[in-house]
Amino acid sequence: PMGKTKKNPSAIPPESMEDKVDLVQLLSNTGVPPSEEEIITFLSARFKADLPYTRINASSLVIVNPNKPLEIMNDLSAKEYADQWYRDTSSENSTLQPHIYEFAAKIYLHMRRSAEDQSVIFSGITGSGKTATQGHLLSQLLLLSTHTKKESKIATQIRNAQIILEAFGS
């Protein structure tokens, strides 16, 4: 239900949220789910710290559009996440914050290991950053899958096709 929510007495206090990167970490020791207010407080704190990405679980990511360029969105970050996640997708070993680049690596490696197509659903209102996030995801997938000159040429063609599709509102 929307509106006022009851306080969860066994929930994690806000001061200990800074080391949390996953909404599942908000669960109390008793297994009581966090309240709507606690989730919003958690996402808001991460947003204010320029950390727009928060894991829900291993296969879901919440993104709060920062509506500004972020330092974490660059080629160096893309390479850092690719290096970290290329061989090991267990989040327990990562020192990196949740990121669309991490999500792309998980998708790519699962697809390679399982030989199954993967789907990504972007949901949000107009202007919520779906297209920009889709572009970052695609770029990271191409980075992870490009190892030869021929693959690089195909990756460039895919990026160019994406630009054309965006012009038509895709």
Foldseek 3Di string as FASTA:
>chain_A
DDDDDDADVQWDDPVPLPVAQELVVRQGPVRDHGIPVVVVSSCVVCLVVVNQWGHPDLQDIGGFDNVDDDPCQDPVNLVVLCVVLQVPLDCVPDPDHDDLSSNLNVQLVCCVVVVDHDDDDDDDDPPRCRLVSVLSSLVSNLVNPDDDPVSVVVSVVVNVVSVVVVVVPD
